[in-house]
């Protein structure tokens, strides 16, 4: 079974088109991981959640207080809040005002 020239062109074109976003995603990921490593080396810790993710975690904790994963979720939330208060430069886009408003959640 032989492919026509048009089929080969489409396959090669598809592969080439997929390489562009894949290469960009790889570049962005490696750049972000490099920055995380630099921050870890400088500060010994790093924020684990973006502002949106931490807000979603807080909302989940409030709406599922008796869930079996709630204690672990509270611990992770509090760890992130404490880390944000301790470090000089967060990885995610946190403003100083957002960090100052954060409070830990009681166990």
PDB file of N, CA and C in Angstrom:
ATOM      1  N   UNK A   1       0.851  -1.166   0.000  1.00  0.00           N
ATOM      2  CA  UNK A   1       0.000   0.000   0.000  1.00  0.00           C
ATOM      3  C   UNK A   1       0.901   1.235   0.000  1.00  0.00           C
ATOM      4  N   UNK A   2       0.854   1.965  -1.073  1.00  0.00           N
ATOM      5  CA  UNK A   2       1.685   3.152  -1.230  1.00  0.00           C
ATOM      6  C   UNK A   2       0.829   4.403  -1.058  1.00  0.00           C
ATOM      7  N   UNK A   3       1.427   5.406  -0.440  1.00  0.00           N
ATOM      8  CA  UNK A   3       0.733   6.683  -0.256  1.00  0.00           C
ATOM      9  C   UNK A   3       0.973   7.572  -1.470  1.00  0.00           C
ATOM     10  N   UNK A   4      -0.012   8.374  -1.767  1.00  0.00           N
ATOM     11  CA  UNK A   4       0.148   9.328  -2.861  1.00  0.00           C
ATOM     12  C   UNK A   4       1.014  10.493  -2.397  1.00  0.00           C
ATOM     13  N   UNK A   5       1.466  11.275  -3.328  1.00  0.00           N
ATOM     14  CA  UNK A   5       2.286  12.442  -2.998  1.00  0.00           C
ATOM     15  C   UNK A   5       1.502  13.420  -2.125  1.00  0.00           C
ATOM     16  N   UNK A   6       0.219  13.580  -2.387  1.00  0.00           N
ATOM     17  CA  UNK A   6      -0.615  14.489  -1.585  1.00  0.00           C
ATOM     18  C   UNK A   6      -0.708  14.005  -0.143  1.00  0.00           C
ATOM     19  N   UNK A   7      -0.834  12.689   0.038  1.00  0.00           N
ATOM     20  CA  UNK A   7      -0.897  12.137   1.397  1.00  0.00           C
ATOM     21  C   UNK A   7       0.403  12.397   2.144  1.00  0.00           C
ATOM     22  N   UNK A   8       1.530  12.218   1.471  1.00  0.00           N
ATOM     23  CA  UNK A   8       2.829  12.481   2.095  1.00  0.00           C
ATOM     24  C   UNK A   8       2.968  13.960   2.467  1.00  0.00           C
ATOM     25  N   UNK A   9       2.532  14.825   1.586  1.00  0.00           N
ATOM     26  CA  UNK A   9       2.606  16.260   1.873  1.00  0.00           C
ATOM     27  C   UNK A   9       1.763  16.603   3.090  1.00  0.00           C
ATOM     28  N   UNK A  10       0.562  16.038   3.165  1.00  0.00           N
ATOM     29  CA  UNK A  10      -0.315  16.301   4.312  1.00  0.00           C
ATOM     30  C   UNK A  10       0.311  15.760   5.603  1.00  0.00           C
ATOM     31  N   UNK A  11       0.864  14.556   5.562  1.00  0.00           N
ATOM     32  CA  UNK A  11       1.486  13.981   6.764  1.00  0.00           C
ATOM     33  C   UNK A  11       2.687  14.801   7.220  1.00  0.00           C
ATOM     34  N   UNK A  12       3.554  15.148   6.298  1.00  0.00           N
ATOM     35  CA  UNK A  12       4.737  15.932   6.657  1.00  0.00           C
ATOM     36  C   UNK A  12       4.318  17.314   7.149  1.00  0.00           C
ATOM     37  N   UNK A  13       3.342  17.920   6.489  1.00  0.00           N
ATOM     38  CA  UNK A  13       2.839  19.227   6.925  1.00  0.00           C
ATOM     39  C   UNK A  13       2.230  19.172   8.308  1.00  0.00           C
ATOM     40  N   UNK A  14       1.472  18.111   8.581  1.00  0.00           N
ATOM     41  CA  UNK A  14       0.860  17.956   9.899  1.00  0.00           C
ATOM     42  C   UNK A  14       1.924  17.805  10.984  1.00  0.00           C
ATOM     43  N   UNK A  15       2.917  17.009  10.700  1.00  0.00           N
ATOM     44  CA  UNK A  15       4.001  16.817  11.670  1.00  0.00           C
ATOM     45  C   UNK A  15       4.722  18.140  11.919  1.00  0.00           C
ATOM     46  N   UNK A  16       4.991  18.870  10.861  1.00  0.00           N
ATOM     47  CA  UNK A  16       5.678  20.159  11.004  1.00  0.00           C
ATOM     48  C   UNK A  16       4.825  21.134  11.810  1.00  0.00           C
ATOM     49  N   UNK A  17       3.525  21.180  11.541  1.00  0.00           N
ATOM     50  CA  UNK A  17       2.638  22.082  12.278  1.00  0.00           C
ATOM     51  C   UNK A  17       2.522  21.709  13.749  1.00  0.00           C
ATOM     52  N   UNK A  18       2.597  20.434  14.066  1.00  0.00           N
ATOM     53  CA  UNK A  18       2.518  20.013  15.466  1.00  0.00           C
ATOM     54  C   UNK A  18       3.804  20.332  16.226  1.00  0.00           C
ATOM     55  N   UNK A  19       4.931  20.396  15.520  1.00  0.00           N
ATOM     56  CA  UNK A  19       6.206  20.689  16.180  1.00  0.00           C
ATOM     57  C   UNK A  19       6.262  22.106  16.716  1.00  0.00           C
ATOM     58  N   UNK A  20       5.601  23.036  16.060  1.00  0.00           N
ATOM     59  CA  UNK A  20       5.663  24.442  16.498  1.00  0.00           C
ATOM     60  C   UNK A  20       5.041  24.609  17.882  1.00  0.00           C
ATOM     61  N   UNK A  21       3.780  24.222  18.118  1.00  0.00           N
ATOM     62  CA  UNK A  21       3.236  24.393  19.471  1.00  0.00           C
ATOM     63  C   UNK A  21       3.910  23.486  20.493  1.00  0.00           C
ATOM     64  N   UNK A  22       4.327  22.290  20.067  1.00  0.00           N
ATOM     65  CA  UNK A  22       5.008  21.393  21.005  1.00  0.00           C
ATOM     66  C   UNK A  22       6.344  21.989  21.446  1.00  0.00           C
ATOM     67  N   UNK A  23       7.080  22.557  20.514  1.00  0.00           N
ATOM     68  CA  UNK A  23       8.361  23.182  20.859  1.00  0.00           C
ATOM     69  C   UNK A  23       8.157  24.389  21.763  1.00  0.00           C
ATOM     70  N   UNK A  24       7.143  25.191  21.475  1.00  0.00           N
ATOM     71  CA  UNK A  24       6.863  26.357  22.303  1.00  0.00           C
ATOM     72  C   UNK A  24       6.462  25.932  23.718  1.00  0.00           C
ATOM     73  N   UNK A  25       5.626  24.899  23.837  1.00  0.00           N
ATOM     74  CA  UNK A  25       5.212  24.410  25.154  1.00  0.00           C
ATOM     75  C   UNK A  25       6.421  23.887  25.932  1.00  0.00           C
ATOM     76  N   UNK A  26       7.290  23.168  25.256  1.00  0.00           N
ATOM     77  CA  UNK A  26       8.496  22.657  25.907  1.00  0.00           C
ATOM     78  C   UNK A  26       9.397  23.799  26.363  1.00  0.00           C
ATOM     79  N   UNK A  27       9.587  24.795  25.510  1.00  0.00           N
ATOM     80  CA  UNK A  27      10.403  25.955  25.859  1.00  0.00           C
ATOM     81  C   UNK A  27       9.842  26.665  27.093  1.00  0.00           C
ATOM     82  N   UNK A  28       8.529  26.945  27.098  1.00  0.00           N
ATOM     83  CA  UNK A  28       7.901  27.635  28.227  1.00  0.00           C
ATOM     84  C   UNK A  28       8.022  26.822  29.515  1.00  0.00           C
ATOM     85  N   UNK A  29       7.795  25.529  29.417  1.00  0.00           N
ATOM     86  CA  UNK A  29       7.874  24.663  30.585  1.00  0.00           C
ATOM     87  C   UNK A  29       9.283  24.645  31.157  1.00  0.00           C
ATOM     88  N   UNK A  30      10.262  24.486  30.307  1.00  0.00           N
ATOM     89  CA  UNK A  30      11.651  24.457  30.786  1.00  0.00           C
ATOM     90  C   UNK A  30      12.064  25.798  31.372  1.00  0.00           C
ATOM     91  N   UNK A  31      11.622  26.893  30.766  1.00  0.00           N
ATOM     92  CA  UNK A  31      11.936  28.220  31.289  1.00  0.00           C
ATOM     93  C   UNK A  31      11.309  28.415  32.669  1.00  0.00           C
ATOM     94  N   UNK A  32      10.038  28.004  32.830  1.00  0.00           N
ATOM     95  CA  UNK A  32       9.368  28.115  34.122  1.00  0.00           C
ATOM     96  C   UNK A  32      10.045  27.252  35.185  1.00  0.00           C
ATOM     97  N   UNK A  33      10.408  26.044  34.803  1.00  0.00           N
ATOM     98  CA  UNK A  33      11.068  25.161  35.765  1.00  0.00           C
ATOM     99  C   UNK A  33      12.446  25.696  36.156  1.00  0.00           C
ATOM    100  N   UNK A  34      13.127  26.326  35.225  1.00  0.00           N
ATOM    101  CA  UNK A  34      14.416  26.937  35.530  1.00  0.00           C
ATOM    102  C   UNK A  34      14.250  28.079  36.535  1.00  0.00           C
ATOM    103  N   UNK A  35      13.206  28.870  36.333  1.00  0.00           N
ATOM    104  CA  UNK A  35      12.942  29.978  37.267  1.00  0.00           C
ATOM    105  C   UNK A  35      12.575  29.447  38.647  1.00  0.00           C
ATOM    106  N   UNK A  36      11.774  28.391  38.692  1.00  0.00           N
ATOM    107  CA  UNK A  36      11.421  27.785  39.981  1.00  0.00           C
ATOM    108  C   UNK A  36      12.684  27.315  40.705  1.00  0.00           C
ATOM    109  N   UNK A  37      13.576  26.676  39.970  1.00  0.00           N
ATOM    110  CA  UNK A  37      14.814  26.185  40.577  1.00  0.00           C
ATOM    111  C   UNK A  37      15.660  27.330  41.117  1.00  0.00           C
ATOM    112  N   UNK A  38      15.752  28.419  40.367  1.00  0.00           N
ATOM    113  CA  UNK A  38      16.489  29.588  40.842  1.00  0.00           C
ATOM    114  C   UNK A  38      15.883  30.124  42.136  1.00  0.00           C
ATOM    115  N   UNK A  39      14.557  30.245  42.172  1.00  0.00           N
ATOM    116  CA  UNK A  39      13.887  30.748  43.377  1.00  0.00           C
ATOM    117  C   UNK A  39      14.096  29.808  44.551  1.00  0.00           C
ATOM    118  N   UNK A  40      14.043  28.512  44.308  1.00  0.00           N
ATOM    119  CA  UNK A  40      14.286  27.546  45.385  1.00  0.00           C
ATOM    120  C   UNK A  40      15.706  27.658  45.917  1.00  0.00           C
ATOM    121  N   UNK A  41      16.665  27.836  45.025  1.00  0.00           N
ATOM    122  CA  UNK A  41      18.051  27.981  45.461  1.00  0.00           C
ATOM    123  C   UNK A  41      18.258  29.265  46.257  1.00  0.00           C
ATOM    124  N   UNK A  42      17.568  30.340  45.884  1.00  0.00           N
ATOM    125  CA  UNK A  42      17.725  31.621  46.564  1.00  0.00           C
ATOM    126  C   UNK A  42      16.947  31.684  47.880  1.00  0.00           C
ATOM    127  N   UNK A  43      15.738  31.119  47.898  1.00  0.00           N
ATOM    128  CA  UNK A  43      14.823  31.336  49.026  1.00  0.00           C
ATOM    129  C   UNK A  43      14.560  30.084  49.849  1.00  0.00           C
ATOM    130  N   UNK A  44      14.955  28.931  49.375  1.00  0.00           N
ATOM    131  CA  UNK A  44      14.730  27.634  50.013  1.00  0.00           C
ATOM    132  C   UNK A  44      13.284  27.164  49.969  1.00  0.00           C
ATOM    133  N   UNK A  45      12.374  27.983  49.502  1.00  0.00           N
ATOM    134  CA  UNK A  45      10.989  27.560  49.322  1.00  0.00           C
ATOM    135  C   UNK A  45      10.328  28.409  48.261  1.00  0.00           C
ATOM    136  N   UNK A  46       9.173  27.938  47.802  1.00  0.00           N
ATOM    137  CA  UNK A  46       8.491  28.596  46.702  1.00  0.00           C
ATOM    138  C   UNK A  46       6.981  28.465  46.915  1.00  0.00           C
ATOM    139  N   UNK A  47       6.238  29.453  46.427  1.00  0.00           N
ATOM    140  CA  UNK A  47       4.786  29.379  46.521  1.00  0.00           C
ATOM    141  C   UNK A  47       4.286  28.250  45.627  1.00  0.00           C
ATOM    142  N   UNK A  48       3.290  27.527  46.111  1.00  0.00           N
ATOM    143  CA  UNK A  48       2.825  26.340  45.405  1.00  0.00           C
ATOM    144  C   UNK A  48       1.545  26.565  44.618  1.00  0.00           C
ATOM    145  N   UNK A  49       0.870  27.678  44.833  1.00  0.00           N
ATOM    146  CA  UNK A  49      -0.398  27.933  44.149  1.00  0.00           C
ATOM    147  C   UNK A  49      -0.422  29.347  43.582  1.00  0.00           C
ATOM    148  N   UNK A  50      -1.059  29.482  42.434  1.00  0.00           N
ATOM    149  CA  UNK A  50      -1.314  30.797  41.859  1.00  0.00           C
ATOM    150  C   UNK A  50      -2.451  31.446  42.647  1.00  0.00           C
ATOM    151  N   UNK A  51      -2.657  32.746  42.496  1.00  0.00           N
ATOM    152  CA  UNK A  51      -3.773  33.383  43.206  1.00  0.00           C
ATOM    153  C   UNK A  51      -5.110  32.713  42.912  1.00  0.00           C
ATOM    154  N   UNK A  52      -5.375  32.392  41.675  1.00  0.00           N
ATOM    155  CA  UNK A  52      -6.651  31.763  41.322  1.00  0.00           C
ATOM    156  C   UNK A  52      -6.754  30.361  41.927  1.00  0.00           C
ATOM    157  N   UNK A  53      -5.689  29.588  41.861  1.00  0.00           N
ATOM    158  CA  UNK A  53      -5.709  28.228  42.395  1.00  0.00           C
ATOM    159  C   UNK A  53      -5.893  28.239  43.913  1.00  0.00           C
ATOM    160  N   UNK A  54      -5.236  29.170  44.601  1.00  0.00           N
ATOM    161  CA  UNK A  54      -5.384  29.240  46.052  1.00  0.00           C
ATOM    162  C   UNK A  54      -6.804  29.657  46.429  1.00  0.00           C
ATOM    163  N   UNK A  55      -7.392  30.555  45.662  1.00  0.00           N
ATOM    164  CA  UNK A  55      -8.784  30.956  45.893  1.00  0.00           C
ATOM    165  C   UNK A  55      -9.721  29.766  45.680  1.00  0.00           C
ATOM    166  N   UNK A  56      -9.490  28.999  44.633  1.00  0.00           N
ATOM    167  CA  UNK A  56     -10.319  27.817  44.384  1.00  0.00           C
ATOM    168  C   UNK A  56     -10.153  26.785  45.489  1.00  0.00           C
ATOM    169  N   UNK A  57      -8.943  26.622  45.997  1.00  0.00           N
ATOM    170  CA  UNK A  57      -8.715  25.703  47.107  1.00  0.00           C
ATOM    171  C   UNK A  57      -9.455  26.180  48.354  1.00  0.00           C
ATOM    172  N   UNK A  58      -9.396  27.469  48.640  1.00  0.00           N
ATOM    173  CA  UNK A  58     -10.109  28.028  49.800  1.00  0.00           C
ATOM    174  C   UNK A  58     -11.616  27.795  49.662  1.00  0.00           C
ATOM    175  N   UNK A  59     -12.156  28.022  48.469  1.00  0.00           N
ATOM    176  CA  UNK A  59     -13.591  27.804  48.243  1.00  0.00           C
ATOM    177  C   UNK A  59     -13.949  26.328  48.409  1.00  0.00           C
ATOM    178  N   UNK A  60     -13.085  25.446  47.947  1.00  0.00           N
ATOM    179  CA  UNK A  60     -13.350  24.020  48.108  1.00  0.00           C
ATOM    180  C   UNK A  60     -13.361  23.655  49.583  1.00  0.00           C
ATOM    181  N   UNK A  61     -12.410  24.173  50.343  1.00  0.00           N
ATOM    182  CA  UNK A  61     -12.342  23.887  51.780  1.00  0.00           C
ATOM    183  C   UNK A  61     -13.608  24.368  52.472  1.00  0.00           C
ATOM    184  N   UNK A  62     -14.064  25.574  52.126  1.00  0.00           N
ATOM    185  CA  UNK A  62     -15.286  26.110  52.739  1.00  0.00           C
ATOM    186  C   UNK A  62     -16.517  25.290  52.384  1.00  0.00           C
ATOM    187  N   UNK A  63     -16.597  24.797  51.178  1.00  0.00           N
ATOM    188  CA  UNK A  63     -17.796  24.066  50.774  1.00  0.00           C
ATOM    189  C   UNK A  63     -17.734  22.569  51.096  1.00  0.00           C
ATOM    190  N   UNK A  64     -16.579  22.067  51.500  1.00  0.00           N
ATOM    191  CA  UNK A  64     -16.432  20.647  51.855  1.00  0.00           C
ATOM    192  C   UNK A  64     -15.688  20.497  53.192  1.00  0.00           C
ATOM    193  N   UNK A  65     -16.177  21.105  54.259  1.00  0.00           N
ATOM    194  CA  UNK A  65     -15.419  21.079  55.520  1.00  0.00           C
ATOM    195  C   UNK A  65     -15.285  19.689  56.144  1.00  0.00           C
ATOM    196  N   UNK A  66     -16.195  18.775  55.822  1.00  0.00           N
ATOM    197  CA  UNK A  66     -16.157  17.445  56.434  1.00  0.00           C
ATOM    198  C   UNK A  66     -15.599  16.369  55.511  1.00  0.00           C
ATOM    199  N   UNK A  67     -15.114  16.760  54.361  1.00  0.00           N
ATOM    200  CA  UNK A  67     -14.546  15.806  53.420  1.00  0.00           C
ATOM    201  C   UNK A  67     -13.293  15.179  54.027  1.00  0.00           C
ATOM    202  N   UNK A  68     -13.023  13.941  53.652  1.00  0.00           N
ATOM    203  CA  UNK A  68     -11.838  13.268  54.222  1.00  0.00           C
ATOM    204  C   UNK A  68     -10.533  13.939  53.787  1.00  0.00           C
ATOM    205  N   UNK A  69     -10.555  14.699  52.688  1.00  0.00           N
ATOM    206  CA  UNK A  69      -9.355  15.395  52.220  1.00  0.00           C
ATOM    207  C   UNK A  69      -9.258  16.829  52.749  1.00  0.00           C
ATOM    208  N   UNK A  70     -10.244  17.280  53.480  1.00  0.00           N
ATOM    209  CA  UNK A  70     -10.253  18.659  53.981  1.00  0.00           C
ATOM    210  C   UNK A  70      -9.048  18.974  54.874  1.00  0.00           C
ATOM    211  N   UNK A  71      -8.657  18.111  55.807  1.00  0.00           N
ATOM    212  CA  UNK A  71      -7.471  18.440  56.623  1.00  0.00           C
ATOM    213  C   UNK A  71      -6.204  18.635  55.781  1.00  0.00           C
ATOM    214  N   UNK A  72      -6.020  17.779  54.792  1.00  0.00           N
ATOM    215  CA  UNK A  72      -4.849  17.919  53.913  1.00  0.00           C
ATOM    216  C   UNK A  72      -4.953  19.196  53.086  1.00  0.00           C
ATOM    217  N   UNK A  73      -6.139  19.523  52.616  1.00  0.00           N
ATOM    218  CA  UNK A  73      -6.341  20.749  51.838  1.00  0.00           C
ATOM    219  C   UNK A  73      -6.049  21.978  52.691  1.00  0.00           C
ATOM    220  N   UNK A  74      -6.515  21.978  53.952  1.00  0.00           N
ATOM    221  CA  UNK A  74      -6.225  23.106  54.850  1.00  0.00           C
ATOM    222  C   UNK A  74      -4.729  23.232  55.098  1.00  0.00           C
ATOM    223  N   UNK A  75      -4.065  22.090  55.292  1.00  0.00           N
ATOM    224  CA  UNK A  75      -2.614  22.116  55.519  1.00  0.00           C
ATOM    225  C   UNK A  75      -1.893  22.717  54.305  1.00  0.00           C
ATOM    226  N   UNK A  76      -2.262  22.293  53.122  1.00  0.00           N
ATOM    227  CA  UNK A  76      -1.609  22.807  51.912  1.00  0.00           C
ATOM    228  C   UNK A  76      -1.915  24.288  51.706  1.00  0.00           C
ATOM    229  N   UNK A  77      -3.136  24.687  51.998  1.00  0.00           N
ATOM    230  CA  UNK A  77      -3.512  26.098  51.891  1.00  0.00           C
ATOM    231  C   UNK A  77      -2.659  26.923  52.862  1.00  0.00           C
ATOM    232  N   UNK A  78      -2.623  26.496  54.115  1.00  0.00           N
ATOM    233  CA  UNK A  78      -1.867  27.231  55.130  1.00  0.00           C
ATOM    234  C   UNK A  78      -0.372  27.256  54.815  1.00  0.00           C
ATOM    235  N   UNK A  79       0.162  26.154  54.312  1.00  0.00           N
ATOM    236  CA  UNK A  79       1.581  26.120  53.931  1.00  0.00           C
ATOM    237  C   UNK A  79       1.874  27.167  52.856  1.00  0.00           C
ATOM    238  N   UNK A  80       0.989  27.282  51.882  1.00  0.00           N
ATOM    239  CA  UNK A  80       1.198  28.254  50.804  1.00  0.00           C
ATOM    240  C   UNK A  80       1.109  29.681  51.348  1.00  0.00           C
ATOM    241  N   UNK A  81       0.134  29.946  52.208  1.00  0.00           N
ATOM    242  CA  UNK A  81      -0.013  31.286  52.782  1.00  0.00           C
ATOM    243  C   UNK A  81       1.238  31.648  53.591  1.00  0.00           C
ATOM    244  N   UNK A  82       1.707  30.729  54.419  1.00  0.00           N
ATOM    245  CA  UNK A  82       2.892  30.990  55.235  1.00  0.00           C
ATOM    246  C   UNK A  82       4.131  31.195  54.362  1.00  0.00           C
ATOM    247  N   UNK A  83       4.248  30.409  53.313  1.00  0.00           N
ATOM    248  CA  UNK A  83       5.379  30.556  52.394  1.00  0.00           C
ATOM    249  C   UNK A  83       5.344  31.919  51.724  1.00  0.00           C
ATOM    250  N   UNK A  84       4.160  32.335  51.259  1.00  0.00           N
ATOM    251  CA  UNK A  84       4.032  33.643  50.613  1.00  0.00           C
ATOM    252  C   UNK A  84       4.427  34.777  51.555  1.00  0.00           C
ATOM    253  N   UNK A  85       4.147  34.611  52.831  1.00  0.00           N
ATOM    254  CA  UNK A  85       4.517  35.646  53.813  1.00  0.00           C
ATOM    255  C   UNK A  85       6.012  35.634  54.117  1.00  0.00           C
ATOM    256  N   UNK A  86       6.666  34.496  53.904  1.00  0.00           N
ATOM    257  CA  UNK A  86       8.088  34.362  54.241  1.00  0.00           C
ATOM    258  C   UNK A  86       9.041  34.723  53.100  1.00  0.00           C
ATOM    259  N   UNK A  87       8.620  34.525  51.861  1.00  0.00           N
ATOM    260  CA  UNK A  87       9.549  34.690  50.743  1.00  0.00           C
ATOM    261  C   UNK A  87       9.549  36.129  50.224  1.00  0.00           C
ATOM    262  N   UNK A  88      10.628  36.471  49.543  1.00  0.00           N
ATOM    263  CA  UNK A  88      10.752  37.812  48.968  1.00  0.00           C
ATOM    264  C   UNK A  88      10.134  37.910  47.577  1.00  0.00           C
ATOM    265  N   UNK A  89      10.272  36.842  46.790  1.00  0.00           N
ATOM    266  CA  UNK A  89       9.793  36.880  45.409  1.00  0.00           C
ATOM    267  C   UNK A  89       8.979  35.628  45.097  1.00  0.00           C
ATOM    268  N   UNK A  90       7.669  35.765  44.902  1.00  0.00           N
ATOM    269  CA  UNK A  90       6.865  34.598  44.552  1.00  0.00           C
ATOM    270  C   UNK A  90       7.048  34.208  43.087  1.00  0.00           C
ATOM    271  N   UNK A  91       6.791  32.952  42.791  1.00  0.00           N
ATOM    272  CA  UNK A  91       6.857  32.476  41.403  1.00  0.00           C
ATOM    273  C   UNK A  91       5.646  32.957  40.618  1.00  0.00           C
ATOM    274  N   UNK A  92       4.478  32.806  41.228  1.00  0.00           N
ATOM    275  CA  UNK A  92       3.247  33.217  40.550  1.00  0.00           C
ATOM    276  C   UNK A  92       3.035  34.715  40.716  1.00  0.00           C
ATOM    277  N   UNK A  93       2.116  35.271  39.953  1.00  0.00           N
ATOM    278  CA  UNK A  93       1.882  36.720  39.928  1.00  0.00           C
ATOM    279  C   UNK A  93       1.046  37.179  41.120  1.00  0.00           C
ATOM    280  N   UNK A  94       1.662  37.232  42.276  1.00  0.00           N
ATOM    281  CA  UNK A  94       1.015  37.721  43.491  1.00  0.00           C
ATOM    282  C   UNK A  94       1.395  39.174  43.700  1.00  0.00           C
ATOM    283  N   UNK A  95       0.430  40.003  44.027  1.00  0.00           N
ATOM    284  CA  UNK A  95       0.754  41.378  44.404  1.00  0.00           C
ATOM    285  C   UNK A  95       0.986  41.412  45.908  1.00  0.00           C
ATOM    286  N   UNK A  96       1.671  42.441  46.375  1.00  0.00           N
ATOM    287  CA  UNK A  96       1.897  42.584  47.820  1.00  0.00           C
ATOM    288  C   UNK A  96       0.577  42.709  48.564  1.00  0.00           C
ATOM    289  N   UNK A  97      -0.379  43.410  47.983  1.00  0.00           N
ATOM    290  CA  UNK A  97      -1.687  43.585  48.619  1.00  0.00           C
ATOM    291  C   UNK A  97      -2.410  42.243  48.750  1.00  0.00           C
ATOM    292  N   UNK A  98      -2.341  41.408  47.724  1.00  0.00           N
ATOM    293  CA  UNK A  98      -2.983  40.088  47.789  1.00  0.00           C
ATOM    294  C   UNK A  98      -2.357  39.238  48.887  1.00  0.00           C
ATOM    295  N   UNK A  99      -1.053  39.293  49.004  1.00  0.00           N
ATOM    296  CA  UNK A  99      -0.367  38.497  50.020  1.00  0.00           C
ATOM    297  C   UNK A  99      -0.731  38.986  51.411  1.00  0.00           C
ATOM    298  N   UNK A 100      -0.790  40.291  51.592  1.00  0.00           N
ATOM    299  CA  UNK A 100      -1.133  40.848  52.910  1.00  0.00           C
ATOM    300  C   UNK A 100      -2.541  40.483  53.345  1.00  0.00           C
ATOM    301  N   UNK A 101      -3.472  40.292  52.405  1.00  0.00           N
ATOM    302  CA  UNK A 101      -4.852  39.950  52.734  1.00  0.00           C
ATOM    303  C   UNK A 101      -5.040  38.488  53.119  1.00  0.00           C
ATOM    304  N   UNK A 102      -4.084  37.636  52.771  1.00  0.00           N
ATOM    305  CA  UNK A 102      -4.226  36.210  53.031  1.00  0.00           C
ATOM    306  C   UNK A 102      -4.168  35.904  54.518  1.00  0.00           C
ATOM    307  N   UNK A 103      -4.976  34.951  54.925  1.00  0.00           N
ATOM    308  CA  UNK A 103      -4.970  34.463  56.301  1.00  0.00           C
ATOM    309  C   UNK A 103      -5.046  32.955  56.274  1.00  0.00           C
ATOM    310  N   UNK A 104      -4.405  32.330  57.230  1.00  0.00           N
ATOM    311  CA  UNK A 104      -4.482  30.883  57.319  1.00  0.00           C
ATOM    312  C   UNK A 104      -5.886  30.455  57.752  1.00  0.00           C
ATOM    313  N   UNK A 105      -6.205  29.208  57.481  1.00  0.00           N
ATOM    314  CA  UNK A 105      -7.487  28.638  57.866  1.00  0.00           C
ATOM    315  C   UNK A 105      -7.256  27.732  59.069  1.00  0.00           C
ATOM    316  N   UNK A 106      -8.063  27.905  60.088  1.00  0.00           N
ATOM    317  CA  UNK A 106      -7.868  27.097  61.291  1.00  0.00           C
ATOM    318  C   UNK A 106      -8.239  25.647  61.010  1.00  0.00           C
ATOM    319  N   UNK A 107      -7.504  24.784  61.632  1.00  0.00           N
ATOM    320  CA  UNK A 107      -7.711  23.338  61.459  1.00  0.00           C
ATOM    321  C   UNK A 107      -8.969  22.978  62.121  1.00  0.00           C
TER     322      UNK A 107
END
